[in-house]
Amino acid sequence: MKAFTGYSTNPDPMLAGFEAAKMAGNAKSAKIVFAYTSCDYDVKKVIAGLQSYYECPIIGNTSFTGVVLPNGFVTGDKGFVGIMAVTGADLEVGVACIKKSHSSEDAVALGEQVAKKSIEEYWYNNGSTNYVYGSESNRRRILSKRN
């Protein structure tokens, strides 16, 4: 597994997304991209810029002050975006989310639910029946429920 980073401070959010993607590279082999962008940008436009380069899941968040990358702290008066594209021949990615309905819900239970859903999404989208993340006992438990 390898990770490649890129960033941009272009004031145009779509161009910033594209420039960060181009800097990180690996458009064909990226399995997932983590993106962190300024609150100053229209996030949908940043994602559109990233999607014009990558064909894999893109997840992330906004940052108020900046992002830390191998070459230093990146910030900008008119916006910034920093990304990490992850590649790997043996890396398989499933992405899912669930709605947290009440603040008193158990974080561990919610984590287990979203992990199970991401595994199911991966199976559904890739036709895989043998990929399960976690310990051997956890794999047996999930596979037994699936079959």
Protein backbone atom coordinates (compact mmCIF):
# COMPACT_ATOMS: atom_id res chain seq x y z
CA MET A 1 0.00 0.00 0.00
CA LYS A 2 1.24 3.48 -0.86
CA ALA A 3 -0.10 6.96 -0.23
CA PHE A 4 0.39 10.00 -2.46
CA THR A 5 -0.45 13.56 -1.41
CA GLY A 6 -1.34 16.73 -3.20
CA TYR A 7 -2.69 20.17 -2.42
CA SER A 8 -3.84 23.41 -3.97
CA THR A 9 -4.67 26.93 -2.86
CA ASN A 10 -6.28 27.93 -6.14
CA PRO A 11 -9.22 30.24 -5.31
CA ASP A 12 -11.45 28.30 -7.75
CA PRO A 13 -12.69 25.24 -5.78
CA MET A 14 -13.10 22.95 -8.79
CA LEU A 15 -9.64 23.79 -10.13
CA ALA A 16 -8.21 23.38 -6.62
CA GLY A 17 -9.62 19.85 -6.44
CA PHE A 18 -8.22 19.00 -9.86
CA GLU A 19 -4.79 20.52 -9.11
CA ALA A 20 -4.51 18.62 -5.81
CA ALA A 21 -5.45 15.40 -7.62
CA LYS A 22 -2.96 16.00 -10.41
CA MET A 23 -0.19 16.67 -7.88
CA ALA A 24 -0.93 13.42 -6.01
CA GLY A 25 -1.32 11.48 -9.25
CA ASN A 26 -2.11 7.77 -9.56
CA ALA A 27 -5.52 8.34 -11.15
CA LYS A 28 -5.88 4.79 -12.42
CA SER A 29 -4.55 2.92 -9.39
CA ALA A 30 -6.06 4.94 -6.50
CA LYS A 31 -8.48 2.87 -4.43
CA ILE A 32 -9.62 5.69 -2.13
CA VAL A 33 -8.93 9.41 -1.72
CA PHE A 34 -9.08 11.31 1.56
CA ALA A 35 -9.74 15.02 1.00
CA TYR A 36 -9.70 17.87 3.49
CA THR A 37 -10.76 21.26 2.27
CA SER A 38 -11.26 24.79 3.47
CA CYS A 39 -14.64 25.91 4.75
CA ASP A 40 -14.24 28.81 2.28
CA TYR A 41 -14.79 26.48 -0.70
CA ASP A 42 -18.01 25.09 -2.14
CA VAL A 43 -17.23 21.48 -1.19
CA LYS A 44 -19.34 20.03 -4.02
CA LYS A 45 -17.13 21.88 -6.52
CA VAL A 46 -13.95 20.57 -4.88
CA ILE A 47 -15.34 17.04 -5.10
CA ALA A 48 -16.26 17.62 -8.76
CA GLY A 49 -12.64 18.61 -9.43
CA LEU A 50 -11.37 15.48 -7.70
CA GLN A 51 -13.91 13.29 -9.52
CA SER A 52 -12.71 14.63 -12.85
CA TYR A 53 -9.40 12.90 -12.06
CA TYR A 54 -10.25 9.92 -9.82
CA GLU A 55 -12.75 7.09 -10.28
CA CYS A 56 -12.66 5.82 -6.70
CA PRO A 57 -14.43 6.71 -3.43
CA ILE A 58 -13.57 10.17 -2.09
CA ILE A 59 -14.18 10.88 1.58
CA GLY A 60 -13.14 13.73 3.80
CA ASN A 61 -14.03 16.75 5.82
CA THR A 62 -13.59 20.48 6.05
CA SER A 63 -10.80 22.18 7.93
CA PHE A 64 -10.91 25.68 9.34
CA THR A 65 -7.20 26.52 9.37
CA GLY A 66 -5.28 24.17 7.09
CA VAL A 67 -3.96 20.67 6.44
CA VAL A 68 -0.67 19.01 7.30
CA LEU A 69 1.09 17.20 4.45
CA PRO A 70 4.60 15.74 4.13
CA ASN A 71 5.88 19.02 2.67
CA GLY A 72 4.39 21.16 5.44
CA PHE A 73 1.28 23.01 6.60
CA VAL A 74 -0.99 24.18 3.77
CA THR A 75 -3.45 27.02 4.22
CA GLY A 76 -4.78 29.86 2.13
CA ASP A 77 -6.71 33.12 2.45
CA LYS A 78 -9.08 32.10 -0.37
CA GLY A 79 -9.25 28.36 0.29
CA PHE A 80 -7.11 25.23 0.30
CA VAL A 81 -7.46 21.51 -0.26
CA GLY A 82 -5.14 18.67 0.73
CA ILE A 83 -5.59 15.08 -0.37
CA MET A 84 -4.12 11.63 0.12
CA ALA A 85 -4.67 9.05 -2.64
CA VAL A 86 -4.13 5.48 -1.44
CA THR A 87 -3.12 2.66 -3.78
CA GLY A 88 -2.29 -1.00 -3.35
CA ALA A 89 -2.67 -4.16 -5.38
CA ASP A 90 -4.10 -6.01 -2.36
CA LEU A 91 -6.16 -3.07 -1.06
CA GLU A 92 -9.92 -3.48 -1.32
CA VAL A 93 -12.20 -0.64 -0.24
CA GLY A 94 -15.82 -0.63 0.87
CA VAL A 95 -17.42 2.69 1.83
CA ALA A 96 -20.65 3.20 3.75
CA CYS A 97 -22.31 5.51 6.23
CA ILE A 98 -25.13 5.28 8.73
CA LYS A 99 -27.21 7.94 10.40
CA LYS A 100 -26.65 8.49 14.09
CA SER A 101 -30.16 8.83 15.44
CA HIS A 102 -29.46 9.71 19.07
CA SER A 103 -26.48 11.15 20.92
CA SER A 104 -26.59 8.38 23.53
CA GLU A 105 -26.00 5.61 20.96
CA ASP A 106 -22.99 3.44 21.59
CA ALA A 107 -20.08 4.51 19.35
CA VAL A 108 -18.74 0.94 19.21
CA ALA A 109 -22.12 -0.43 18.06
CA LEU A 110 -22.38 2.31 15.42
CA GLY A 111 -18.83 1.52 14.27
CA GLU A 112 -19.70 -2.16 13.93
CA GLN A 113 -22.83 -1.27 11.92
CA VAL A 114 -20.98 0.96 9.46
CA ALA A 115 -18.14 -1.57 9.10
CA LYS A 116 -20.63 -4.34 8.30
CA LYS A 117 -22.45 -2.09 5.83
CA SER A 118 -19.18 -1.17 4.08
CA ILE A 119 -18.31 -4.85 3.73
CA GLU A 120 -21.77 -5.54 2.28
CA GLU A 121 -21.39 -2.60 -0.12
CA TYR A 122 -18.04 -3.93 -1.25
CA TRP A 123 -19.49 -7.42 -1.83
CA TYR A 124 -22.46 -5.97 -3.73
CA ASN A 125 -20.36 -3.69 -5.95
CA ASN A 126 -17.51 -6.12 -6.62
CA GLY A 127 -19.09 -9.56 -6.51
CA SER A 128 -16.65 -10.64 -3.81
CA THR A 129 -17.72 -13.27 -1.32
CA ASN A 130 -14.46 -13.79 0.53
CA TYR A 131 -13.32 -10.36 1.72
CA VAL A 132 -13.96 -9.50 5.35
CA TYR A 133 -11.84 -7.13 7.43
CA GLY A 134 -10.85 -7.97 10.97
CA SER A 135 -9.80 -10.87 13.14
CA GLU A 136 -10.30 -14.49 12.09
CA SER A 137 -13.13 -14.92 14.62
CA ASN A 138 -14.84 -11.77 13.35
CA ARG A 139 -14.53 -12.97 9.72
CA ARG A 140 -16.09 -16.33 10.62
CA ARG A 141 -18.92 -14.56 12.50
CA ILE A 142 -19.73 -12.20 9.59
CA LEU A 143 -19.42 -14.89 6.94
CA SER A 144 -21.67 -17.26 8.91
CA LYS A 145 -24.36 -14.56 9.12
CA ARG A 146 -24.00 -13.86 5.40
CA ASN A 147 -24.37 -17.52 4.31
